[in-house]
Amino acid sequence: MESVKKTSEEKRLAALRYHYENREAVLAKMRLRHIKKMEDAEWVKKEKERLIKYKEDNRAVVNKQSSTWAKENRDSRNRTQKKYRKENPEKYSIHNLSRLSSWRQYRADNLEKLKERERTYKKNNKDKVLWNNMKRSKRLKQSLIGGNMFREEIMEIYMKRDRVILETSIPHHVDHIVPIRGKNVSGLHVPWNLRIITASENTRKGNKYLAIQSSSDTIIKITIH
């Protein structure tokens, strides 16, 4: 019986059908091949260089794909980042410092461009700008009430925060126990409303006022004599 030669489209459909019907086996083979390749240092080096070059040559496409994926997988992305921050506090701190340094360099190189963007935003969003200015004015008044009266005590707390970071190599923040921007209650920028806690705990707390504080072992109590 004479065999009928398959067209390229029929071959493509047959391959897709096979992959669909044998998905787990195909993925297992792909993972095994990838593991073997990762053992080859030369291949890993070439693959990294290839990916870097591709991103540079297709920056707009890559940025669009990354943005689309992040929007469609927001919850999954947040869970992954939260887990990584918890398991790698030192690496995350170094990563943040690197990003901050890159942003400062970008701002220095594109100052006029950023100023023009800011002016355009303010012109097109006058209501938002007015509302933000009102909130900023309120926070400033709350800060000045205590900031001017207890300047030395407050500076001592921030200096102690810096010493804790140097001693532990873990990022720490000076937290307002009763938030200045709380939704239901607002506090003042005064020594007895300040405490030093880890950056991760402060991020979880946000601007909420927690009557019963958790993780007391990570809180450093401040006493002003």
N, C-alpha and C. Protein backbone atom coordinates (compact mmCIF):
# COMPACT_ATOMS: atom_id res chain seq x y z
N MET A 1 0.85 -1.20 0.00
CA MET A 1 0.00 0.00 0.00
C MET A 1 0.88 1.25 0.00
N GLU A 2 0.63 2.09 -0.88
CA GLU A 2 1.46 3.29 -1.02
C GLU A 2 1.14 4.28 0.10
N SER A 3 2.19 4.68 0.78
CA SER A 3 1.99 5.63 1.88
C SER A 3 1.79 7.03 1.32
N VAL A 4 0.91 7.74 1.98
CA VAL A 4 0.63 9.11 1.57
C VAL A 4 1.56 10.05 2.32
N LYS A 5 2.28 10.88 1.58
CA LYS A 5 3.22 11.82 2.19
C LYS A 5 2.46 12.93 2.91
N LYS A 6 2.78 13.15 4.19
CA LYS A 6 2.08 14.16 4.98
C LYS A 6 2.63 15.55 4.65
N THR A 7 1.73 16.49 4.65
CA THR A 7 2.14 17.88 4.45
C THR A 7 2.70 18.44 5.75
N SER A 8 3.37 19.59 5.66
CA SER A 8 3.96 20.21 6.85
C SER A 8 2.88 20.57 7.88
N GLU A 9 1.69 20.98 7.40
CA GLU A 9 0.60 21.34 8.32
C GLU A 9 0.10 20.10 9.05
N GLU A 10 -0.02 18.97 8.34
CA GLU A 10 -0.46 17.73 8.97
C GLU A 10 0.57 17.26 10.00
N LYS A 11 1.85 17.41 9.70
CA LYS A 11 2.89 17.04 10.65
C LYS A 11 2.82 17.91 11.90
N ARG A 12 2.56 19.19 11.69
CA ARG A 12 2.47 20.10 12.83
C ARG A 12 1.30 19.74 13.73
N LEU A 13 0.14 19.44 13.12
CA LEU A 13 -1.04 19.06 13.89
C LEU A 13 -0.82 17.73 14.62
N ALA A 14 -0.13 16.81 13.96
CA ALA A 14 0.16 15.52 14.60
C ALA A 14 1.07 15.70 15.81
N ALA A 15 2.06 16.58 15.68
CA ALA A 15 2.98 16.84 16.80
C ALA A 15 2.24 17.49 17.96
N LEU A 16 1.36 18.44 17.65
CA LEU A 16 0.57 19.08 18.70
C LEU A 16 -0.33 18.08 19.41
N ARG A 17 -0.95 17.18 18.62
CA ARG A 17 -1.82 16.17 19.21
C ARG A 17 -1.03 15.25 20.14
N TYR A 18 0.16 14.87 19.70
CA TYR A 18 1.00 13.98 20.52
C TYR A 18 1.38 14.67 21.84
N HIS A 19 1.79 15.92 21.74
CA HIS A 19 2.17 16.66 22.95
C HIS A 19 0.99 16.81 23.90
N TYR A 20 -0.19 17.02 23.34
CA TYR A 20 -1.38 17.19 24.19
C TYR A 20 -1.74 15.88 24.88
N GLU A 21 -1.65 14.77 24.14
CA GLU A 21 -2.04 13.47 24.70
C GLU A 21 -0.98 12.90 25.64
N ASN A 22 0.27 13.38 25.52
CA ASN A 22 1.36 12.85 26.35
C ASN A 22 2.08 13.99 27.07
N ARG A 23 1.29 14.90 27.60
CA ARG A 23 1.82 16.13 28.18
C ARG A 23 2.83 15.86 29.30
N GLU A 24 2.49 15.01 30.26
CA GLU A 24 3.36 14.76 31.40
C GLU A 24 4.69 14.13 30.97
N ALA A 25 4.63 13.15 30.05
CA ALA A 25 5.85 12.50 29.58
C ALA A 25 6.75 13.48 28.83
N VAL A 26 6.14 14.33 28.02
CA VAL A 26 6.91 15.32 27.25
C VAL A 26 7.59 16.31 28.20
N LEU A 27 6.83 16.80 29.22
CA LEU A 27 7.41 17.75 30.18
C LEU A 27 8.53 17.11 30.98
N ALA A 28 8.37 15.83 31.34
CA ALA A 28 9.42 15.13 32.09
C ALA A 28 10.71 15.04 31.26
N LYS A 29 10.59 14.73 29.97
CA LYS A 29 11.75 14.65 29.10
C LYS A 29 12.42 16.03 28.95
N MET A 30 11.59 17.08 28.84
CA MET A 30 12.13 18.43 28.70
C MET A 30 12.88 18.84 29.96
N ARG A 31 12.31 18.51 31.14
CA ARG A 31 12.98 18.84 32.40
C ARG A 31 14.30 18.09 32.52
N LEU A 32 14.31 16.82 32.13
CA LEU A 32 15.54 16.02 32.20
C LEU A 32 16.62 16.59 31.29
N ARG A 33 16.24 16.99 30.08
CA ARG A 33 17.21 17.59 29.16
C ARG A 33 17.76 18.90 29.71
N HIS A 34 16.86 19.68 30.32
CA HIS A 34 17.27 20.98 30.88
C HIS A 34 18.25 20.78 32.04
N ILE A 35 17.98 19.79 32.91
CA ILE A 35 18.86 19.52 34.04
C ILE A 35 20.25 19.13 33.54
N LYS A 36 20.30 18.29 32.52
CA LYS A 36 21.59 17.87 31.96
C LYS A 36 22.34 19.06 31.37
N LYS A 37 21.60 19.95 30.70
CA LYS A 37 22.25 21.13 30.11
C LYS A 37 22.79 22.06 31.19
N MET A 38 22.04 22.19 32.31
CA MET A 38 22.47 23.08 33.38
C MET A 38 23.76 22.63 34.03
N GLU A 39 24.12 21.36 33.86
CA GLU A 39 25.39 20.85 34.39
C GLU A 39 26.57 21.29 33.52
N ASP A 40 26.29 21.77 32.33
CA ASP A 40 27.33 22.22 31.42
C ASP A 40 27.53 23.73 31.61
N ALA A 41 28.62 24.11 32.28
CA ALA A 41 28.87 25.52 32.59
C ALA A 41 28.98 26.37 31.33
N GLU A 42 29.58 25.83 30.27
CA GLU A 42 29.73 26.59 29.03
C GLU A 42 28.38 26.89 28.40
N TRP A 43 27.47 25.90 28.44
CA TRP A 43 26.12 26.11 27.88
C TRP A 43 25.36 27.15 28.68
N VAL A 44 25.48 27.09 30.02
CA VAL A 44 24.80 28.05 30.88
C VAL A 44 25.28 29.47 30.58
N LYS A 45 26.59 29.63 30.39
CA LYS A 45 27.15 30.94 30.09
C LYS A 45 26.62 31.47 28.76
N LYS A 46 26.61 30.62 27.72
CA LYS A 46 26.11 31.03 26.41
C LYS A 46 24.63 31.36 26.46
N GLU A 47 23.86 30.58 27.24
CA GLU A 47 22.41 30.81 27.33
C GLU A 47 22.12 32.15 28.01
N LYS A 48 22.88 32.48 29.05
CA LYS A 48 22.70 33.77 29.72
C LYS A 48 23.00 34.91 28.76
N GLU A 49 24.09 34.78 28.01
CA GLU A 49 24.45 35.82 27.04
C GLU A 49 23.38 35.96 25.96
N ARG A 50 22.82 34.82 25.53
CA ARG A 50 21.77 34.85 24.50
C ARG A 50 20.53 35.57 25.01
N LEU A 51 20.14 35.28 26.26
CA LEU A 51 18.96 35.91 26.84
C LEU A 51 19.15 37.41 27.03
N ILE A 52 20.36 37.79 27.48
CA ILE A 52 20.65 39.22 27.66
C ILE A 52 20.57 39.96 26.34
N LYS A 53 21.15 39.36 25.30
CA LYS A 53 21.13 39.98 23.96
C LYS A 53 19.70 40.08 23.43
N TYR A 54 18.91 39.02 23.65
CA TYR A 54 17.53 39.04 23.17
C TYR A 54 16.73 40.15 23.86
N LYS A 55 16.92 40.29 25.18
CA LYS A 55 16.19 41.34 25.91
C LYS A 55 16.59 42.72 25.43
N GLU A 56 17.88 42.90 25.14
CA GLU A 56 18.35 44.20 24.66
C GLU A 56 17.79 44.52 23.27
N ASP A 57 17.72 43.50 22.41
CA ASP A 57 17.24 43.70 21.04
C ASP A 57 15.72 43.80 20.95
N ASN A 58 15.04 43.27 21.96
CA ASN A 58 13.56 43.24 21.92
C ASN A 58 12.99 43.80 23.22
N ARG A 59 13.55 44.92 23.67
CA ARG A 59 13.17 45.48 24.97
C ARG A 59 11.67 45.82 25.05
N ALA A 60 11.11 46.42 24.00
CA ALA A 60 9.70 46.81 24.01
C ALA A 60 8.80 45.58 24.13
N VAL A 61 9.11 44.54 23.36
CA VAL A 61 8.30 43.31 23.39
C VAL A 61 8.39 42.64 24.75
N VAL A 62 9.62 42.55 25.30
CA VAL A 62 9.82 41.90 26.60
C VAL A 62 9.10 42.66 27.70
N ASN A 63 9.19 44.01 27.68
CA ASN A 63 8.52 44.82 28.70
C ASN A 63 7.01 44.65 28.63
N LYS A 64 6.47 44.61 27.40
CA LYS A 64 5.02 44.44 27.24
C LYS A 64 4.58 43.07 27.74
N GLN A 65 5.34 42.02 27.41
CA GLN A 65 5.00 40.68 27.88
C GLN A 65 5.08 40.58 29.39
N SER A 66 6.12 41.19 29.99
CA SER A 66 6.28 41.16 31.45
C SER A 66 5.13 41.89 32.13
N SER A 67 4.77 43.06 31.58
CA SER A 67 3.67 43.85 32.16
C SER A 67 2.34 43.10 32.08
N THR A 68 2.08 42.48 30.92
CA THR A 68 0.84 41.72 30.75
C THR A 68 0.77 40.54 31.71
N TRP A 69 1.89 39.82 31.81
CA TRP A 69 1.93 38.66 32.71
C TRP A 69 1.72 39.08 34.16
N ALA A 70 2.36 40.19 34.56
CA ALA A 70 2.24 40.67 35.95
C ALA A 70 0.80 41.05 36.29
N LYS A 71 0.10 41.66 35.34
CA LYS A 71 -1.30 42.04 35.58
C LYS A 71 -2.19 40.82 35.68
N GLU A 72 -1.94 39.83 34.83
CA GLU A 72 -2.79 38.63 34.81
C GLU A 72 -2.48 37.66 35.94
N ASN A 73 -1.30 37.79 36.55
CA ASN A 73 -0.88 36.86 37.61
C ASN A 73 -0.43 37.63 38.85
N ARG A 74 -1.19 38.66 39.19
CA ARG A 74 -0.80 39.54 40.29
C ARG A 74 -0.68 38.79 41.62
N ASP A 75 -1.69 37.95 41.95
CA ASP A 75 -1.68 37.24 43.23
C ASP A 75 -0.51 36.26 43.31
N SER A 76 -0.31 35.50 42.22
CA SER A 76 0.79 34.53 42.19
C SER A 76 2.13 35.24 42.32
N ARG A 77 2.28 36.36 41.64
CA ARG A 77 3.53 37.14 41.67
C ARG A 77 3.80 37.67 43.07
N ASN A 78 2.75 38.18 43.73
CA ASN A 78 2.91 38.72 45.08
C ASN A 78 3.30 37.62 46.07
N ARG A 79 2.68 36.45 45.93
CA ARG A 79 3.02 35.33 46.83
C ARG A 79 4.47 34.91 46.64
N THR A 80 4.92 34.83 45.38
CA THR A 80 6.31 34.44 45.10
C THR A 80 7.29 35.45 45.66
N GLN A 81 7.02 36.75 45.46
CA GLN A 81 7.91 37.79 45.96
C GLN A 81 7.95 37.80 47.49
N LYS A 82 6.78 37.62 48.11
CA LYS A 82 6.72 37.60 49.57
C LYS A 82 7.53 36.44 50.13
N LYS A 83 7.41 35.27 49.50
CA LYS A 83 8.17 34.09 49.93
C LYS A 83 9.66 34.32 49.77
N TYR A 84 10.06 34.92 48.65
CA TYR A 84 11.48 35.18 48.39
C TYR A 84 12.04 36.16 49.41
N ARG A 85 11.29 37.24 49.70
CA ARG A 85 11.75 38.23 50.68
C ARG A 85 11.94 37.59 52.06
N LYS A 86 11.03 36.69 52.41
CA LYS A 86 11.10 36.04 53.72
C LYS A 86 12.29 35.11 53.82
N GLU A 87 12.59 34.39 52.73
CA GLU A 87 13.67 33.39 52.74
C GLU A 87 15.04 34.01 52.45
N ASN A 88 15.06 35.19 51.83
CA ASN A 88 16.34 35.81 51.45
C ASN A 88 16.38 37.29 51.85
N PRO A 89 16.28 37.60 53.17
CA PRO A 89 16.25 39.02 53.57
C PRO A 89 17.50 39.78 53.18
N GLU A 90 18.68 39.13 53.27
CA GLU A 90 19.93 39.82 52.95
C GLU A 90 20.03 40.11 51.45
N LYS A 91 19.70 39.10 50.62
CA LYS A 91 19.74 39.30 49.17
C LYS A 91 18.74 40.37 48.74
N TYR A 92 17.56 40.36 49.36
CA TYR A 92 16.53 41.34 48.99
C TYR A 92 16.97 42.75 49.36
N SER A 93 17.66 42.89 50.50
CA SER A 93 18.16 44.20 50.90
C SER A 93 19.19 44.71 49.90
N ILE A 94 20.12 43.83 49.48
CA ILE A 94 21.14 44.21 48.49
C ILE A 94 20.48 44.56 47.16
N HIS A 95 19.44 43.78 46.78
CA HIS A 95 18.71 44.04 45.53
C HIS A 95 18.05 45.42 45.57
N ASN A 96 17.45 45.78 46.71
CA ASN A 96 16.80 47.08 46.83
C ASN A 96 17.82 48.22 46.73
N LEU A 97 18.98 48.02 47.36
CA LEU A 97 20.03 49.05 47.28
C LEU A 97 20.51 49.22 45.84
N SER A 98 20.61 48.11 45.11
CA SER A 98 21.03 48.17 43.71
C SER A 98 20.01 48.91 42.86
N ARG A 99 18.71 48.61 43.10
CA ARG A 99 17.65 49.31 42.35
C ARG A 99 17.65 50.80 42.66
N LEU A 100 17.86 51.13 43.95
CA LEU A 100 17.89 52.54 44.35
C LEU A 100 19.04 53.26 43.66
N SER A 101 20.21 52.61 43.61
CA SER A 101 21.36 53.21 42.95
C SER A 101 21.09 53.41 41.46
N SER A 102 20.44 52.42 40.83
CA SER A 102 20.13 52.52 39.39
C SER A 102 19.14 53.65 39.15
N TRP A 103 18.14 53.79 40.04
CA TRP A 103 17.14 54.84 39.88
C TRP A 103 17.78 56.22 40.03
N ARG A 104 18.68 56.36 41.00
CA ARG A 104 19.35 57.65 41.19
C ARG A 104 20.17 58.02 39.96
N GLN A 105 20.83 57.03 39.38
CA GLN A 105 21.62 57.29 38.17
C GLN A 105 20.72 57.67 37.01
N TYR A 106 19.58 56.96 36.87
CA TYR A 106 18.63 57.26 35.79
C TYR A 106 18.06 58.66 35.97
N ARG A 107 17.73 59.01 37.21
CA ARG A 107 17.17 60.34 37.48
C ARG A 107 18.18 61.43 37.15
N ALA A 108 19.45 61.21 37.48
CA ALA A 108 20.48 62.20 37.18
C ALA A 108 20.67 62.36 35.68
N ASP A 109 20.54 61.28 34.92
CA ASP A 109 20.74 61.32 33.48
C ASP A 109 19.51 61.83 32.72
N ASN A 110 18.33 61.78 33.35
CA ASN A 110 17.08 62.14 32.64
C ASN A 110 16.26 63.12 33.46
N LEU A 111 16.92 64.06 34.12
CA LEU A 111 16.24 64.98 35.02
C LEU A 111 15.19 65.82 34.30
N GLU A 112 15.56 66.40 33.16
CA GLU A 112 14.62 67.26 32.43
C GLU A 112 13.41 66.46 31.92
N LYS A 113 13.66 65.25 31.46
CA LYS A 113 12.58 64.39 30.97
C LYS A 113 11.59 64.07 32.09
N LEU A 114 12.11 63.78 33.28
CA LEU A 114 11.24 63.46 34.43
C LEU A 114 10.47 64.69 34.90
N LYS A 115 11.12 65.84 34.87
CA LYS A 115 10.43 67.07 35.26
C LYS A 115 9.28 67.39 34.31
N GLU A 116 9.52 67.19 33.01
CA GLU A 116 8.48 67.42 32.02
C GLU A 116 7.31 66.45 32.21
N ARG A 117 7.63 65.19 32.52
CA ARG A 117 6.58 64.20 32.78
C ARG A 117 5.76 64.59 34.01
N GLU A 118 6.45 65.10 35.03
CA GLU A 118 5.75 65.52 36.26
C GLU A 118 4.84 66.71 35.99
N ARG A 119 5.33 67.67 35.20
CA ARG A 119 4.51 68.84 34.86
C ARG A 119 3.26 68.42 34.07
N THR A 120 3.43 67.49 33.13
CA THR A 120 2.30 67.01 32.34
C THR A 120 1.28 66.30 33.23
N TYR A 121 1.77 65.49 34.16
CA TYR A 121 0.86 64.78 35.06
C TYR A 121 0.05 65.76 35.91
N LYS A 122 0.73 66.76 36.47
CA LYS A 122 0.05 67.74 37.32
C LYS A 122 -1.00 68.51 36.52
N LYS A 123 -0.70 68.80 35.25
CA LYS A 123 -1.64 69.54 34.41
C LYS A 123 -2.88 68.71 34.09
N ASN A 124 -2.69 67.40 33.88
CA ASN A 124 -3.80 66.53 33.50
C ASN A 124 -4.53 65.92 34.70
N ASN A 125 -4.00 66.08 35.90
CA ASN A 125 -4.60 65.46 37.09
C ASN A 125 -4.65 66.46 38.25
N LYS A 126 -5.27 67.60 38.01
CA LYS A 126 -5.28 68.66 39.02
C LYS A 126 -6.00 68.25 40.29
N ASP A 127 -7.10 67.48 40.15
CA ASP A 127 -7.86 67.06 41.33
C ASP A 127 -7.02 66.14 42.22
N LYS A 128 -6.33 65.18 41.61
CA LYS A 128 -5.49 64.26 42.37
C LYS A 128 -4.35 65.00 43.06
N VAL A 129 -3.74 65.94 42.34
CA VAL A 129 -2.63 66.70 42.90
C VAL A 129 -3.09 67.53 44.09
N LEU A 130 -4.26 68.15 43.98
CA LEU A 130 -4.81 68.96 45.07
C LEU A 130 -5.08 68.09 46.30
N TRP A 131 -5.67 66.91 46.07
CA TRP A 131 -5.99 66.00 47.16
C TRP A 131 -4.70 65.52 47.85
N ASN A 132 -3.69 65.17 47.08
CA ASN A 132 -2.42 64.72 47.65
C ASN A 132 -1.73 65.84 48.44
N ASN A 133 -1.82 67.07 47.94
CA ASN A 133 -1.24 68.20 48.65
C ASN A 133 -1.92 68.42 50.00
N MET A 134 -3.24 68.24 50.04
CA MET A 134 -3.98 68.39 51.29
C MET A 134 -3.55 67.32 52.30
N LYS A 135 -3.40 66.08 51.83
CA LYS A 135 -2.96 65.00 52.73
C LYS A 135 -1.54 65.25 53.21
N ARG A 136 -0.68 65.73 52.30
CA ARG A 136 0.70 66.00 52.67
C ARG A 136 0.78 67.12 53.71
N SER A 137 -0.07 68.14 53.56
CA SER A 137 -0.11 69.24 54.52
C SER A 137 -0.53 68.75 55.90
N LYS A 138 -1.50 67.83 55.92
CA LYS A 138 -1.96 67.28 57.20
C LYS A 138 -0.85 66.49 57.88
N ARG A 139 -0.14 65.66 57.10
CA ARG A 139 0.94 64.86 57.67
C ARG A 139 2.06 65.76 58.18
N LEU A 140 2.35 66.85 57.42
CA LEU A 140 3.41 67.77 57.81
C LEU A 140 3.09 68.42 59.16
N LYS A 141 1.83 68.84 59.33
CA LYS A 141 1.44 69.46 60.60
C LYS A 141 1.58 68.47 61.76
N GLN A 142 1.18 67.20 61.50
CA GLN A 142 1.30 66.19 62.55
C GLN A 142 2.76 65.93 62.89
N SER A 143 3.65 65.97 61.88
CA SER A 143 5.07 65.73 62.11
C SER A 143 5.69 66.90 62.87
N LEU A 144 5.31 68.13 62.52
CA LEU A 144 5.91 69.30 63.14
C LEU A 144 5.53 69.44 64.60
N ILE A 145 4.33 68.96 64.96
CA ILE A 145 3.87 69.08 66.35
C ILE A 145 4.86 68.43 67.30
N GLY A 146 5.33 67.21 66.93
CA GLY A 146 6.29 66.53 67.79
C GLY A 146 7.72 66.68 67.33
N GLY A 147 7.92 66.83 66.00
CA GLY A 147 9.27 66.85 65.46
C GLY A 147 10.12 67.98 65.99
N ASN A 148 9.54 69.19 66.13
CA ASN A 148 10.30 70.34 66.60
C ASN A 148 10.56 70.28 68.10
N MET A 149 9.61 69.70 68.85
CA MET A 149 9.73 69.67 70.31
C MET A 149 10.67 68.58 70.80
N PHE A 150 10.73 67.45 70.03
CA PHE A 150 11.51 66.30 70.48
C PHE A 150 12.54 65.89 69.42
N ARG A 151 13.16 66.88 68.80
CA ARG A 151 14.06 66.59 67.69
C ARG A 151 15.21 65.67 68.10
N GLU A 152 15.86 65.95 69.24
CA GLU A 152 17.03 65.16 69.65
C GLU A 152 16.64 63.72 69.98
N GLU A 153 15.51 63.55 70.71
CA GLU A 153 15.06 62.20 71.05
C GLU A 153 14.71 61.39 69.81
N ILE A 154 14.07 62.05 68.84
CA ILE A 154 13.68 61.36 67.60
C ILE A 154 14.92 60.99 66.79
N MET A 155 15.90 61.90 66.71
CA MET A 155 17.13 61.60 65.99
C MET A 155 17.86 60.42 66.64
N GLU A 156 17.83 60.34 67.97
CA GLU A 156 18.47 59.23 68.67
C GLU A 156 17.84 57.89 68.29
N ILE A 157 16.52 57.88 68.11
CA ILE A 157 15.82 56.65 67.70
C ILE A 157 16.26 56.23 66.30
N TYR A 158 16.35 57.20 65.37
CA TYR A 158 16.77 56.87 64.00
C TYR A 158 18.23 56.42 63.96
N MET A 159 19.07 57.00 64.81
CA MET A 159 20.46 56.56 64.88
C MET A 159 20.56 55.15 65.45
N LYS A 160 19.69 54.85 66.42
CA LYS A 160 19.68 53.49 66.98
C LYS A 160 19.22 52.50 65.92
N ARG A 161 18.26 52.91 65.08
CA ARG A 161 17.81 52.06 63.97
C ARG A 161 18.99 51.72 63.05
N ASP A 162 19.82 52.73 62.74
CA ASP A 162 20.98 52.50 61.87
C ASP A 162 21.98 51.54 62.52
N ARG A 163 22.17 51.65 63.84
CA ARG A 163 23.09 50.74 64.53
C ARG A 163 22.58 49.31 64.49
N VAL A 164 21.27 49.15 64.64
CA VAL A 164 20.68 47.81 64.61
C VAL A 164 20.88 47.18 63.23
N ILE A 165 20.73 47.97 62.17
CA ILE A 165 20.93 47.44 60.81
C ILE A 165 22.37 46.98 60.63
N LEU A 166 23.33 47.78 61.12
CA LEU A 166 24.73 47.41 60.98
C LEU A 166 25.06 46.15 61.78
N GLU A 167 24.46 46.01 62.97
CA GLU A 167 24.76 44.86 63.83
C GLU A 167 24.12 43.57 63.33
N THR A 168 22.92 43.67 62.77
CA THR A 168 22.17 42.46 62.39
C THR A 168 22.21 42.17 60.89
N SER A 169 22.57 43.17 60.07
CA SER A 169 22.53 43.04 58.60
C SER A 169 21.12 42.76 58.10
N ILE A 170 20.12 43.16 58.89
CA ILE A 170 18.71 42.98 58.51
C ILE A 170 18.07 44.37 58.42
N PRO A 171 17.35 44.67 57.35
CA PRO A 171 16.71 45.98 57.22
C PRO A 171 15.71 46.23 58.34
N HIS A 172 15.77 47.39 58.97
CA HIS A 172 14.83 47.80 60.01
C HIS A 172 14.25 49.17 59.67
N HIS A 173 13.04 49.43 60.14
CA HIS A 173 12.38 50.72 59.96
C HIS A 173 12.02 51.31 61.31
N VAL A 174 11.90 52.64 61.35
CA VAL A 174 11.29 53.30 62.51
C VAL A 174 9.81 53.41 62.21
N ASP A 175 9.00 52.73 63.02
CA ASP A 175 7.57 52.61 62.75
C ASP A 175 6.77 53.49 63.69
N HIS A 176 5.71 54.10 63.17
CA HIS A 176 4.74 54.81 64.01
C HIS A 176 3.74 53.80 64.55
N ILE A 177 3.70 53.62 65.86
CA ILE A 177 2.79 52.65 66.47
C ILE A 177 1.34 53.00 66.09
N VAL A 178 0.97 54.24 66.29
CA VAL A 178 -0.31 54.75 65.78
C VAL A 178 0.01 55.51 64.50
N PRO A 179 -0.38 55.00 63.33
CA PRO A 179 0.06 55.58 62.05
C PRO A 179 -0.33 57.04 61.89
N ILE A 180 0.57 57.80 61.25
CA ILE A 180 0.25 59.20 60.94
C ILE A 180 -0.85 59.28 59.88
N ARG A 181 -0.89 58.28 58.98
CA ARG A 181 -1.88 58.26 57.90
C ARG A 181 -2.90 57.15 58.12
N GLY A 182 -3.26 56.86 59.35
CA GLY A 182 -4.22 55.80 59.63
C GLY A 182 -5.60 56.11 59.07
N LYS A 183 -6.33 55.04 58.70
CA LYS A 183 -7.67 55.22 58.15
C LYS A 183 -8.67 55.63 59.22
N ASN A 184 -8.56 55.02 60.41
CA ASN A 184 -9.52 55.28 61.48
C ASN A 184 -8.96 56.14 62.60
N VAL A 185 -7.64 56.13 62.76
CA VAL A 185 -7.00 56.90 63.82
C VAL A 185 -5.64 57.35 63.32
N SER A 186 -5.21 58.54 63.74
CA SER A 186 -3.94 59.09 63.31
C SER A 186 -3.12 59.51 64.52
N GLY A 187 -1.83 59.19 64.49
CA GLY A 187 -0.95 59.54 65.60
C GLY A 187 -0.05 60.71 65.27
N LEU A 188 0.94 60.95 66.14
CA LEU A 188 1.86 62.06 65.97
C LEU A 188 3.29 61.55 65.83
N HIS A 189 4.17 62.40 65.32
CA HIS A 189 5.58 62.05 65.15
C HIS A 189 6.31 62.44 66.43
N VAL A 190 6.10 61.63 67.48
CA VAL A 190 6.68 61.88 68.80
C VAL A 190 7.41 60.62 69.27
N PRO A 191 8.39 60.74 70.18
CA PRO A 191 9.20 59.57 70.58
C PRO A 191 8.39 58.38 71.08
N TRP A 192 7.35 58.64 71.90
CA TRP A 192 6.60 57.51 72.45
C TRP A 192 5.67 56.84 71.44
N ASN A 193 5.60 57.40 70.23
CA ASN A 193 4.82 56.76 69.17
C ASN A 193 5.74 56.10 68.14
N LEU A 194 7.03 55.98 68.48
CA LEU A 194 8.00 55.40 67.55
C LEU A 194 8.59 54.12 68.14
N ARG A 195 8.89 53.18 67.27
CA ARG A 195 9.56 51.95 67.67
C ARG A 195 10.36 51.43 66.48
N ILE A 196 11.33 50.58 66.75
CA ILE A 196 12.15 50.00 65.70
C ILE A 196 11.70 48.56 65.48
N ILE A 197 11.31 48.25 64.25
CA ILE A 197 10.92 46.89 63.91
C ILE A 197 11.56 46.51 62.57
N THR A 198 11.52 45.25 62.23
CA THR A 198 12.10 44.81 60.97
C THR A 198 11.30 45.39 59.80
N ALA A 199 11.97 45.56 58.68
CA ALA A 199 11.31 46.12 57.50
C ALA A 199 10.17 45.23 57.04
N SER A 200 10.37 43.90 57.11
CA SER A 200 9.31 42.99 56.66
C SER A 200 8.07 43.11 57.52
N GLU A 201 8.24 43.28 58.85
CA GLU A 201 7.08 43.42 59.73
C GLU A 201 6.37 44.74 59.49
N ASN A 202 7.15 45.80 59.23
CA ASN A 202 6.54 47.10 58.97
C ASN A 202 5.76 47.08 57.66
N THR A 203 6.27 46.32 56.67
CA THR A 203 5.55 46.21 55.39
C THR A 203 4.23 45.48 55.59
N ARG A 204 4.24 44.42 56.39
CA ARG A 204 2.99 43.69 56.67
C ARG A 204 1.99 44.57 57.42
N LYS A 205 2.49 45.38 58.35
CA LYS A 205 1.61 46.22 59.17
C LYS A 205 0.97 47.32 58.34
N GLY A 206 1.75 47.92 57.44
CA GLY A 206 1.20 49.01 56.62
C GLY A 206 0.85 50.20 57.48
N ASN A 207 -0.30 50.83 57.19
CA ASN A 207 -0.74 51.98 57.99
C ASN A 207 -1.89 51.61 58.91
N LYS A 208 -1.91 50.33 59.33
CA LYS A 208 -2.95 49.87 60.27
C LYS A 208 -2.46 50.05 61.70
N TYR A 209 -3.39 50.30 62.60
CA TYR A 209 -3.07 50.38 64.02
C TYR A 209 -3.48 49.07 64.66
N LEU A 210 -2.48 48.32 65.14
CA LEU A 210 -2.74 47.02 65.75
C LEU A 210 -2.70 47.17 67.26
N ALA A 211 -3.84 46.99 67.90
CA ALA A 211 -3.92 47.16 69.35
C ALA A 211 -3.07 46.12 70.06
N ILE A 212 -3.03 44.88 69.51
CA ILE A 212 -2.21 43.82 70.08
C ILE A 212 -1.10 43.52 69.09
N GLN A 213 0.12 43.87 69.45
CA GLN A 213 1.23 43.70 68.53
C GLN A 213 1.72 42.26 68.56
N SER A 214 2.06 41.71 67.37
CA SER A 214 2.57 40.35 67.27
C SER A 214 4.07 40.38 67.08
N SER A 215 4.67 39.18 67.14
CA SER A 215 6.11 39.01 66.94
C SER A 215 6.92 39.94 67.83
N SER A 216 6.64 39.87 69.13
CA SER A 216 7.29 40.77 70.08
C SER A 216 8.80 40.59 70.11
N ASP A 217 9.26 39.41 69.70
CA ASP A 217 10.69 39.17 69.73
C ASP A 217 11.44 39.98 68.67
N THR A 218 10.71 40.47 67.65
CA THR A 218 11.36 41.26 66.61
C THR A 218 11.24 42.75 66.86
N ILE A 219 10.55 43.14 67.94
CA ILE A 219 10.35 44.55 68.25
C ILE A 219 11.41 45.01 69.25
N ILE A 220 12.05 46.10 69.00
CA ILE A 220 13.03 46.64 69.92
C ILE A 220 12.40 47.82 70.65
N LYS A 221 12.21 47.69 71.93
CA LYS A 221 11.51 48.73 72.69
C LYS A 221 12.43 49.94 72.90
N ILE A 222 11.84 51.11 72.82
CA ILE A 222 12.60 52.35 72.94
C ILE A 222 12.23 53.01 74.26
N THR A 223 13.21 53.34 75.04
CA THR A 223 12.96 54.03 76.29
C THR A 223 13.78 55.33 76.29
N ILE A 224 13.12 56.43 76.45
CA ILE A 224 13.79 57.75 76.47
C ILE A 224 13.87 58.22 77.90
N HIS A 225 15.08 58.44 78.37
CA HIS A 225 15.28 58.93 79.75
C HIS A 225 15.42 60.46 79.76
